[in-house]
Amino acid sequence: TERLADTIAALARQEVKKRVEKEIEEKAGHLKDALK
């Protein structure tokens, strides 16, 4: 249970990272269409 908290925190950080990457990708997509 002690080290499981570290695993959960790592998963949470990974989930936040994925969401940020997804939002960046979406915004980058609109910018890409405008430039085209």
PDB file of all heavy atoms in Angstrom:
ATOM      1  N   THR A   1       0.820  -1.221   0.000  1.00  0.00           N
ATOM      2  CA  THR A   1       0.000   0.000   0.000  1.00  0.00           C
ATOM      3  C   THR A   1       0.846   1.260   0.000  1.00  0.00           C
ATOM      4  O   THR A   1       0.426   2.296  -0.538  1.00  0.00           O
ATOM      5  CB  THR A   1      -0.928  -0.006   1.220  1.00  0.00           C
ATOM      6  OG1 THR A   1      -0.137  -0.150   2.412  1.00  0.00           O
ATOM      7  CG2 THR A   1      -1.917  -1.157   1.146  1.00  0.00           C
ATOM      8  N   GLU A   2       2.030   1.197   0.602  1.00  0.00           N
ATOM      9  CA  GLU A   2       2.878   2.387   0.637  1.00  0.00           C
ATOM     10  C   GLU A   2       3.355   2.759  -0.764  1.00  0.00           C
ATOM     11  O   GLU A   2       3.285   3.921  -1.182  1.00  0.00           O
ATOM     12  CB  GLU A   2       4.073   2.142   1.555  1.00  0.00           C
ATOM     13  CG  GLU A   2       3.692   1.976   3.021  1.00  0.00           C
ATOM     14  CD  GLU A   2       4.898   1.739   3.897  1.00  0.00           C
ATOM     15  OE1 GLU A   2       6.038   1.782   3.352  1.00  0.00           O
ATOM     16  OE2 GLU A   2       4.740   1.504   5.095  1.00  0.00           O
ATOM     17  N   ARG A   3       3.850   1.760  -1.503  1.00  0.00           N
ATOM     18  CA  ARG A   3       4.341   2.039  -2.855  1.00  0.00           C
ATOM     19  C   ARG A   3       3.206   2.145  -3.866  1.00  0.00           C
ATOM     20  O   ARG A   3       3.398   2.685  -4.956  1.00  0.00           O
ATOM     21  CB  ARG A   3       5.333   0.967  -3.278  1.00  0.00           C
ATOM     22  CG  ARG A   3       6.610   0.967  -2.448  1.00  0.00           C
ATOM     23  CD  ARG A   3       7.669   0.080  -3.054  1.00  0.00           C
ATOM     24  NE  ARG A   3       8.895   0.107  -2.256  1.00  0.00           N
ATOM     25  CZ  ARG A   3      10.016  -0.522  -2.599  1.00  0.00           C
ATOM     26  NH1 ARG A   3      10.058  -1.232  -3.729  1.00  0.00           N
ATOM     27  NH2 ARG A   3      11.080  -0.450  -1.824  1.00  0.00           N
ATOM     28  N   LEU A   4       2.021   1.614  -3.513  1.00  0.00           N
ATOM     29  CA  LEU A   4       0.884   1.728  -4.428  1.00  0.00           C
ATOM     30  C   LEU A   4       0.497   3.188  -4.624  1.00  0.00           C
ATOM     31  O   LEU A   4       0.052   3.588  -5.703  1.00  0.00           O
ATOM     32  CB  LEU A   4      -0.305   0.928  -3.893  1.00  0.00           C
ATOM     33  CG  LEU A   4      -1.545   0.905  -4.786  1.00  0.00           C
ATOM     34  CD1 LEU A   4      -1.222   0.277  -6.149  1.00  0.00           C
ATOM     35  CD2 LEU A   4      -2.688   0.142  -4.108  1.00  0.00           C
ATOM     36  N   ALA A   5       0.669   4.005  -3.586  1.00  0.00           N
ATOM     37  CA  ALA A   5       0.363   5.440  -3.713  1.00  0.00           C
ATOM     38  C   ALA A   5       1.230   6.078  -4.783  1.00  0.00           C
ATOM     39  O   ALA A   5       0.761   6.935  -5.562  1.00  0.00           O
ATOM     40  CB  ALA A   5       0.579   6.126  -2.365  1.00  0.00           C
ATOM     41  N   ASP A   6       2.493   5.651  -4.852  1.00  0.00           N
ATOM     42  CA  ASP A   6       3.371   6.187  -5.893  1.00  0.00           C
ATOM     43  C   ASP A   6       2.894   5.761  -7.272  1.00  0.00           C
ATOM     44  O   ASP A   6       2.953   6.535  -8.241  1.00  0.00           O
ATOM     45  CB  ASP A   6       4.803   5.704  -5.661  1.00  0.00           C
ATOM     46  CG  ASP A   6       5.375   6.225  -4.354  1.00  0.00           C
ATOM     47  OD1 ASP A   6       4.908   7.288  -3.890  1.00  0.00           O
ATOM     48  OD2 ASP A   6       6.282   5.568  -3.795  1.00  0.00           O
ATOM     49  N   THR A   7       2.408   4.506  -7.361  1.00  0.00           N
ATOM     50  CA  THR A   7       1.893   4.022  -8.643  1.00  0.00           C
ATOM     51  C   THR A   7       0.667   4.824  -9.073  1.00  0.00           C
ATOM     52  O   THR A   7       0.528   5.220 -10.240  1.00  0.00           O
ATOM     53  CB  THR A   7       1.533   2.534  -8.537  1.00  0.00           C
ATOM     54  OG1 THR A   7       2.704   1.796  -8.185  1.00  0.00           O
ATOM     55  CG2 THR A   7       0.987   2.007  -9.846  1.00  0.00           C
ATOM     56  N   ILE A   8      -0.248   5.073  -8.122  1.00  0.00           N
ATOM     57  CA  ILE A   8      -1.457   5.847  -8.430  1.00  0.00           C
ATOM     58  C   ILE A   8      -1.078   7.256  -8.851  1.00  0.00           C
ATOM     59  O   ILE A   8      -1.638   7.817  -9.816  1.00  0.00           O
ATOM     60  CB  ILE A   8      -2.391   5.876  -7.202  1.00  0.00           C
ATOM     61  CG1 ILE A   8      -2.898   4.454  -6.916  1.00  0.00           C
ATOM     62  CG2 ILE A   8      -3.548   6.827  -7.436  1.00  0.00           C
ATOM     63  CD1 ILE A   8      -3.711   4.358  -5.642  1.00  0.00           C
ATOM     64  N   ALA A   9      -0.118   7.864  -8.147  1.00  0.00           N
ATOM     65  CA  ALA A   9       0.314   9.218  -8.505  1.00  0.00           C
ATOM     66  C   ALA A   9       0.913   9.236  -9.900  1.00  0.00           C
ATOM     67  O   ALA A   9       0.682  10.174 -10.682  1.00  0.00           O
ATOM     68  CB  ALA A   9       1.328   9.716  -7.481  1.00  0.00           C
ATOM     69  N   ALA A  10       1.686   8.190 -10.224  1.00  0.00           N
ATOM     70  CA  ALA A  10       2.283   8.121 -11.557  1.00  0.00           C
ATOM     71  C   ALA A  10       1.213   7.991 -12.623  1.00  0.00           C
ATOM     72  O   ALA A  10       1.295   8.604 -13.700  1.00  0.00           O
ATOM     73  CB  ALA A  10       3.250   6.943 -11.622  1.00  0.00           C
ATOM     74  N   LEU A  11       0.181   7.160 -12.340  1.00  0.00           N
ATOM     75  CA  LEU A  11      -0.925   7.020 -13.289  1.00  0.00           C
ATOM     76  C   LEU A  11      -1.674   8.335 -13.455  1.00  0.00           C
ATOM     77  O   LEU A  11      -2.094   8.707 -14.561  1.00  0.00           O
ATOM     78  CB  LEU A  11      -1.875   5.919 -12.820  1.00  0.00           C
ATOM     79  CG  LEU A  11      -1.378   4.482 -12.992  1.00  0.00           C
ATOM     80  CD1 LEU A  11      -2.341   3.510 -12.329  1.00  0.00           C
ATOM     81  CD2 LEU A  11      -1.222   4.135 -14.468  1.00  0.00           C
ATOM     82  N   ALA A  12      -1.848   9.053 -12.315  1.00  0.00           N
ATOM     83  CA  ALA A  12      -2.546  10.343 -12.388  1.00  0.00           C
ATOM     84  C   ALA A  12      -1.759  11.336 -13.223  1.00  0.00           C
ATOM     85  O   ALA A  12      -2.327  12.058 -14.065  1.00  0.00           O
ATOM     86  CB  ALA A  12      -2.764  10.888 -10.972  1.00  0.00           C
ATOM     87  N   ARG A  13      -0.467  11.373 -13.016  1.00  0.00           N
ATOM     88  CA  ARG A  13       0.360  12.278 -13.813  1.00  0.00           C
ATOM     89  C   ARG A  13       0.309  11.906 -15.282  1.00  0.00           C
ATOM     90  O   ARG A  13       0.274  12.766 -16.170  1.00  0.00           O
ATOM     91  CB  ARG A  13       1.808  12.221 -13.315  1.00  0.00           C
ATOM     92  CG  ARG A  13       2.006  12.916 -11.964  1.00  0.00           C
ATOM     93  CD  ARG A  13       3.494  13.113 -11.670  1.00  0.00           C
ATOM     94  NE  ARG A  13       4.195  11.851 -11.556  1.00  0.00           N
ATOM     95  CZ  ARG A  13       4.348  11.186 -10.424  1.00  0.00           C
ATOM     96  NH1 ARG A  13       3.831  11.665  -9.287  1.00  0.00           N
ATOM     97  NH2 ARG A  13       5.014  10.046 -10.396  1.00  0.00           N
ATOM     98  N   GLN A  14       0.281  10.567 -15.533  1.00  0.00           N
ATOM     99  CA  GLN A  14       0.207  10.126 -16.920  1.00  0.00           C
ATOM    100  C   GLN A  14      -1.117  10.522 -17.551  1.00  0.00           C
ATOM    101  O   GLN A  14      -1.174  10.929 -18.719  1.00  0.00           O
ATOM    102  CB  GLN A  14       0.395   8.610 -16.986  1.00  0.00           C
ATOM    103  CG  GLN A  14       0.453   8.058 -18.403  1.00  0.00           C
ATOM    104  CD  GLN A  14       0.802   6.582 -18.421  1.00  0.00           C
ATOM    105  OE1 GLN A  14       1.360   6.073 -17.463  1.00  0.00           O
ATOM    106  NE2 GLN A  14       0.470   5.919 -19.503  1.00  0.00           N
ATOM    107  N   GLU A  15      -2.212  10.440 -16.754  1.00  0.00           N
ATOM    108  CA  GLU A  15      -3.533  10.816 -17.267  1.00  0.00           C
ATOM    109  C   GLU A  15      -3.585  12.308 -17.563  1.00  0.00           C
ATOM    110  O   GLU A  15      -4.108  12.743 -18.604  1.00  0.00           O
ATOM    111  CB  GLU A  15      -4.603  10.442 -16.245  1.00  0.00           C
ATOM    112  CG  GLU A  15      -6.027  10.731 -16.693  1.00  0.00           C
ATOM    113  CD  GLU A  15      -6.453   9.895 -17.889  1.00  0.00           C
ATOM    114  OE1 GLU A  15      -5.861   8.808 -18.092  1.00  0.00           O
ATOM    115  OE2 GLU A  15      -7.359  10.324 -18.626  1.00  0.00           O
ATOM    116  N   VAL A  16      -3.062  13.137 -16.658  1.00  0.00           N
ATOM    117  CA  VAL A  16      -3.036  14.595 -16.884  1.00  0.00           C
ATOM    118  C   VAL A  16      -2.215  14.915 -18.127  1.00  0.00           C
ATOM    119  O   VAL A  16      -2.593  15.757 -18.955  1.00  0.00           O
ATOM    120  CB  VAL A  16      -2.451  15.305 -15.643  1.00  0.00           C
ATOM    121  CG1 VAL A  16      -2.200  16.780 -15.937  1.00  0.00           C
ATOM    122  CG2 VAL A  16      -3.400  15.161 -14.471  1.00  0.00           C
ATOM    123  N   LYS A  17      -1.072  14.218 -18.258  1.00  0.00           N
ATOM    124  CA  LYS A  17      -0.224  14.456 -19.409  1.00  0.00           C
ATOM    125  C   LYS A  17      -0.958  14.140 -20.708  1.00  0.00           C
ATOM    126  O   LYS A  17      -0.849  14.860 -21.707  1.00  0.00           O
ATOM    127  CB  LYS A  17       1.036  13.601 -19.279  1.00  0.00           C
ATOM    128  CG  LYS A  17       2.016  13.784 -20.431  1.00  0.00           C
ATOM    129  CD  LYS A  17       3.241  12.901 -20.222  1.00  0.00           C
ATOM    130  CE  LYS A  17       4.205  13.059 -21.407  1.00  0.00           C
ATOM    131  NZ  LYS A  17       5.397  12.176 -21.256  1.00  0.00           N
ATOM    132  N   LYS A  18      -1.722  13.041 -20.690  1.00  0.00           N
ATOM    133  CA  LYS A  18      -2.464  12.662 -21.904  1.00  0.00           C
ATOM    134  C   LYS A  18      -3.507  13.707 -22.264  1.00  0.00           C
ATOM    135  O   LYS A  18      -3.698  14.036 -23.430  1.00  0.00           O
ATOM    136  CB  LYS A  18      -3.131  11.298 -21.701  1.00  0.00           C
ATOM    137  CG  LYS A  18      -2.163  10.135 -21.749  1.00  0.00           C
ATOM    138  CD  LYS A  18      -2.878   8.812 -21.621  1.00  0.00           C
ATOM    139  CE  LYS A  18      -3.825   8.604 -22.778  1.00  0.00           C
ATOM    140  NZ  LYS A  18      -4.511   7.292 -22.723  1.00  0.00           N
ATOM    141  N   ARG A  19      -4.199  14.217 -21.234  1.00  0.00           N
ATOM    142  CA  ARG A  19      -5.229  15.232 -21.503  1.00  0.00           C
ATOM    143  C   ARG A  19      -4.602  16.498 -22.072  1.00  0.00           C
ATOM    144  O   ARG A  19      -5.132  17.102 -23.014  1.00  0.00           O
ATOM    145  CB  ARG A  19      -5.982  15.551 -20.221  1.00  0.00           C
ATOM    146  CG  ARG A  19      -6.882  14.409 -19.758  1.00  0.00           C
ATOM    147  CD  ARG A  19      -7.587  14.766 -18.468  1.00  0.00           C
ATOM    148  NE  ARG A  19      -8.435  13.664 -18.003  1.00  0.00           N
ATOM    149  CZ  ARG A  19      -9.146  13.701 -16.882  1.00  0.00           C
ATOM    150  NH1 ARG A  19      -9.097  14.796 -16.093  1.00  0.00           N
ATOM    151  NH2 ARG A  19      -9.887  12.671 -16.542  1.00  0.00           N
ATOM    152  N   VAL A  20      -3.475  16.925 -21.500  1.00  0.00           N
ATOM    153  CA  VAL A  20      -2.800  18.133 -22.002  1.00  0.00           C
ATOM    154  C   VAL A  20      -2.357  17.921 -23.438  1.00  0.00           C
ATOM    155  O   VAL A  20      -2.542  18.792 -24.307  1.00  0.00           O
ATOM    156  CB  VAL A  20      -1.601  18.482 -21.098  1.00  0.00           C
ATOM    157  CG1 VAL A  20      -0.770  19.601 -21.722  1.00  0.00           C
ATOM    158  CG2 VAL A  20      -2.082  18.894 -19.717  1.00  0.00           C
ATOM    159  N   GLU A  21      -1.774  16.718 -23.688  1.00  0.00           N
ATOM    160  CA  GLU A  21      -1.327  16.439 -25.049  1.00  0.00           C
ATOM    161  C   GLU A  21      -2.494  16.439 -26.029  1.00  0.00           C
ATOM    162  O   GLU A  21      -2.369  16.886 -27.177  1.00  0.00           O
ATOM    163  CB  GLU A  21      -0.594  15.096 -25.088  1.00  0.00           C
ATOM    164  CG  GLU A  21       0.760  15.117 -24.405  1.00  0.00           C
ATOM    165  CD  GLU A  21       1.412  13.757 -24.401  1.00  0.00           C
ATOM    166  OE1 GLU A  21       0.699  12.767 -24.722  1.00  0.00           O
ATOM    167  OE2 GLU A  21       2.620  13.659 -24.076  1.00  0.00           O
ATOM    168  N   LYS A  22      -3.667  15.941 -25.581  1.00  0.00           N
ATOM    169  CA  LYS A  22      -4.835  15.892 -26.457  1.00  0.00           C
ATOM    170  C   LYS A  22      -5.342  17.291 -26.780  1.00  0.00           C
ATOM    171  O   LYS A  22      -5.675  17.609 -27.934  1.00  0.00           O
ATOM    172  CB  LYS A  22      -5.932  15.074 -25.798  1.00  0.00           C
ATOM    173  CG  LYS A  22      -7.160  14.881 -26.687  1.00  0.00           C
ATOM    174  CD  LYS A  22      -8.167  13.971 -26.009  1.00  0.00           C
ATOM    175  CE  LYS A  22      -9.375  13.756 -26.928  1.00  0.00           C
ATOM    176  NZ  LYS A  22     -10.387  12.885 -26.294  1.00  0.00           N
ATOM    177  N   GLU A  23      -5.376  18.160 -25.735  1.00  0.00           N
ATOM    178  CA  GLU A  23      -5.849  19.525 -25.952  1.00  0.00           C
ATOM    179  C   GLU A  23      -4.900  20.269 -26.881  1.00  0.00           C
ATOM    180  O   GLU A  23      -5.331  21.027 -27.772  1.00  0.00           O
ATOM    181  CB  GLU A  23      -5.952  20.264 -24.621  1.00  0.00           C
ATOM    182  CG  GLU A  23      -7.099  19.740 -23.751  1.00  0.00           C
ATOM    183  CD  GLU A  23      -7.196  20.509 -22.430  1.00  0.00           C
ATOM    184  OE1 GLU A  23      -6.428  21.483 -22.276  1.00  0.00           O
ATOM    185  OE2 GLU A  23      -8.016  20.128 -21.589  1.00  0.00           O
ATOM    186  N   ILE A  24      -3.608  20.093 -26.663  1.00  0.00           N
ATOM    187  CA  ILE A  24      -2.630  20.751 -27.536  1.00  0.00           C
ATOM    188  C   ILE A  24      -2.804  20.289 -28.966  1.00  0.00           C
ATOM    189  O   ILE A  24      -2.738  21.073 -29.925  1.00  0.00           O
ATOM    190  CB  ILE A  24      -1.211  20.472 -27.030  1.00  0.00           C
ATOM    191  CG1 ILE A  24      -0.978  21.174 -25.680  1.00  0.00           C
ATOM    192  CG2 ILE A  24      -0.165  20.918 -28.054  1.00  0.00           C
ATOM    193  CD1 ILE A  24       0.343  20.838 -25.045  1.00  0.00           C
ATOM    194  N   GLU A  25      -3.034  18.961 -29.094  1.00  0.00           N
ATOM    195  CA  GLU A  25      -3.200  18.415 -30.442  1.00  0.00           C
ATOM    196  C   GLU A  25      -4.436  18.985 -31.120  1.00  0.00           C
ATOM    197  O   GLU A  25      -4.432  19.318 -32.312  1.00  0.00           O
ATOM    198  CB  GLU A  25      -3.285  16.899 -30.389  1.00  0.00           C
ATOM    199  CG  GLU A  25      -3.325  16.260 -31.777  1.00  0.00           C
ATOM    200  CD  GLU A  25      -3.337  14.747 -31.702  1.00  0.00           C
ATOM    201  OE1 GLU A  25      -3.175  14.206 -30.591  1.00  0.00           O
ATOM    202  OE2 GLU A  25      -3.493  14.128 -32.752  1.00  0.00           O
ATOM    203  N   GLU A  26      -5.558  19.146 -30.329  1.00  0.00           N
ATOM    204  CA  GLU A  26      -6.784  19.709 -30.909  1.00  0.00           C
ATOM    205  C   GLU A  26      -6.566  21.155 -31.333  1.00  0.00           C
ATOM    206  O   GLU A  26      -6.961  21.571 -32.427  1.00  0.00           O
ATOM    207  CB  GLU A  26      -7.922  19.613 -29.895  1.00  0.00           C
ATOM    208  CG  GLU A  26      -8.399  18.181 -29.670  1.00  0.00           C
ATOM    209  CD  GLU A  26      -9.497  18.123 -28.606  1.00  0.00           C
ATOM    210  OE1 GLU A  26      -9.775  19.175 -27.999  1.00  0.00           O
ATOM    211  OE2 GLU A  26     -10.049  17.025 -28.398  1.00  0.00           O
ATOM    212  N   LYS A  27      -5.945  21.960 -30.418  1.00  0.00           N
ATOM    213  CA  LYS A  27      -5.713  23.374 -30.756  1.00  0.00           C
ATOM    214  C   LYS A  27      -4.721  23.488 -31.905  1.00  0.00           C
ATOM    215  O   LYS A  27      -4.841  24.355 -32.770  1.00  0.00           O
ATOM    216  CB  LYS A  27      -5.192  24.120 -29.546  1.00  0.00           C
ATOM    217  CG  LYS A  27      -6.267  24.255 -28.462  1.00  0.00           C
ATOM    218  CD  LYS A  27      -5.720  24.993 -27.249  1.00  0.00           C
ATOM    219  CE  LYS A  27      -6.817  25.127 -26.187  1.00  0.00           C
ATOM    220  NZ  LYS A  27      -6.336  25.837 -24.994  1.00  0.00           N
ATOM    221  N   ALA A  28      -3.746  22.645 -31.901  1.00  0.00           N
ATOM    222  CA  ALA A  28      -2.791  22.669 -33.000  1.00  0.00           C
ATOM    223  C   ALA A  28      -3.466  22.310 -34.306  1.00  0.00           C
ATOM    224  O   ALA A  28      -3.127  22.812 -35.381  1.00  0.00           O
ATOM    225  CB  ALA A  28      -1.645  21.707 -32.703  1.00  0.00           C
ATOM    226  N   GLY A  29      -4.492  21.460 -34.200  1.00  0.00           N
ATOM    227  CA  GLY A  29      -5.233  21.091 -35.403  1.00  0.00           C
ATOM    228  C   GLY A  29      -5.980  22.282 -35.995  1.00  0.00           C
ATOM    229  O   GLY A  29      -5.977  22.506 -37.218  1.00  0.00           O
ATOM    230  N   HIS A  30      -6.662  23.106 -35.174  1.00  0.00           N
ATOM    231  CA  HIS A  30      -7.367  24.307 -35.671  1.00  0.00           C
ATOM    232  C   HIS A  30      -6.392  25.305 -36.276  1.00  0.00           C
ATOM    233  O   HIS A  30      -6.663  25.917 -37.312  1.00  0.00           O
ATOM    234  CB  HIS A  30      -8.142  24.984 -34.527  1.00  0.00           C
ATOM    235  CG  HIS A  30      -9.285  24.131 -34.023  1.00  0.00           C
ATOM    236  ND1 HIS A  30     -10.277  23.633 -34.848  1.00  0.00           N
ATOM    237  CD2 HIS A  30      -9.592  23.708 -32.765  1.00  0.00           C
ATOM    238  CE1 HIS A  30     -11.142  22.936 -34.137  1.00  0.00           C
ATOM    239  NE2 HIS A  30     -10.738  22.969 -32.852  1.00  0.00           N
ATOM    240  N   LEU A  31      -5.234  25.442 -35.604  1.00  0.00           N
ATOM    241  CA  LEU A  31      -4.238  26.372 -36.123  1.00  0.00           C
ATOM    242  C   LEU A  31      -3.716  25.902 -37.473  1.00  0.00           C
ATOM    243  O   LEU A  31      -3.496  26.692 -38.403  1.00  0.00           O
ATOM    244  CB  LEU A  31      -3.091  26.489 -35.123  1.00  0.00           C
ATOM    245  CG  LEU A  31      -1.937  27.393 -35.528  1.00  0.00           C
ATOM    246  CD1 LEU A  31      -2.427  28.842 -35.769  1.00  0.00           C
ATOM    247  CD2 LEU A  31      -0.841  27.362 -34.470  1.00  0.00           C
ATOM    248  N   LYS A  32      -3.569  24.589 -37.588  1.00  0.00           N
ATOM    249  CA  LYS A  32      -3.077  24.025 -38.844  1.00  0.00           C
ATOM    250  C   LYS A  32      -4.072  24.278 -39.979  1.00  0.00           C
ATOM    251  O   LYS A  32      -3.685  24.633 -41.095  1.00  0.00           O
ATOM    252  CB  LYS A  32      -2.833  22.524 -38.655  1.00  0.00           C
ATOM    253  CG  LYS A  32      -2.269  21.851 -39.900  1.00  0.00           C
ATOM    254  CD  LYS A  32      -1.913  20.408 -39.609  1.00  0.00           C
ATOM    255  CE  LYS A  32      -3.163  19.606 -39.291  1.00  0.00           C
ATOM    256  NZ  LYS A  32      -2.870  18.163 -39.134  1.00  0.00           N
ATOM    257  N   ASP A  33      -5.396  24.143 -39.698  1.00  0.00           N
ATOM    258  CA  ASP A  33      -6.416  24.390 -40.726  1.00  0.00           C
ATOM    259  C   ASP A  33      -6.410  25.859 -41.156  1.00  0.00           C
ATOM    260  O   ASP A  33      -6.569  26.192 -42.341  1.00  0.00           O
ATOM    261  CB  ASP A  33      -7.794  24.002 -40.200  1.00  0.00           C
ATOM    262  CG  ASP A  33      -7.904  22.494 -39.987  1.00  0.00           C
ATOM    263  OD1 ASP A  33      -7.098  21.731 -40.596  1.00  0.00           O
ATOM    264  OD2 ASP A  33      -8.763  22.054 -39.182  1.00  0.00           O
ATOM    265  N   ALA A  34      -6.220  26.761 -40.156  1.00  0.00           N
ATOM    266  CA  ALA A  34      -6.219  28.204 -40.476  1.00  0.00           C
ATOM    267  C   ALA A  34      -5.053  28.555 -41.375  1.00  0.00           C
ATOM    268  O   ALA A  34      -5.166  29.345 -42.327  1.00  0.00           O
ATOM    269  CB  ALA A  34      -6.164  29.033 -39.189  1.00  0.00           C
ATOM    270  N   LEU A  35      -3.932  27.982 -41.069  1.00  0.00           N
ATOM    271  CA  LEU A  35      -2.752  28.255 -41.871  1.00  0.00           C
ATOM    272  C   LEU A  35      -2.920  27.729 -43.300  1.00  0.00           C
ATOM    273  O   LEU A  35      -2.498  28.359 -44.276  1.00  0.00           O
ATOM    274  CB  LEU A  35      -1.516  27.624 -41.224  1.00  0.00           C
ATOM    275  CG  LEU A  35      -1.048  28.288 -39.922  1.00  0.00           C
ATOM    276  CD1 LEU A  35       0.060  27.480 -39.278  1.00  0.00           C
ATOM    277  CD2 LEU A  35      -0.561  29.714 -40.211  1.00  0.00           C
ATOM    278  N   LYS A  36      -3.544  26.572 -43.425  1.00  0.00           N
ATOM    279  CA  LYS A  36      -3.781  26.015 -44.760  1.00  0.00           C
ATOM    280  C   LYS A  36      -4.668  26.948 -45.581  1.00  0.00           C
ATOM    281  O   LYS A  36      -4.429  27.213 -46.761  1.00  0.00           O
ATOM    282  CB  LYS A  36      -4.432  24.630 -44.650  1.00  0.00           C
ATOM    283  CG  LYS A  36      -3.467  23.532 -44.229  1.00  0.00           C
ATOM    284  CD  LYS A  36      -4.203  22.194 -44.194  1.00  0.00           C
ATOM    285  CE  LYS A  36      -3.259  21.053 -43.780  1.00  0.00           C
ATOM    286  NZ  LYS A  36      -3.965  19.747 -43.749  1.00  0.00           N
TER     287      LYS A  36
END
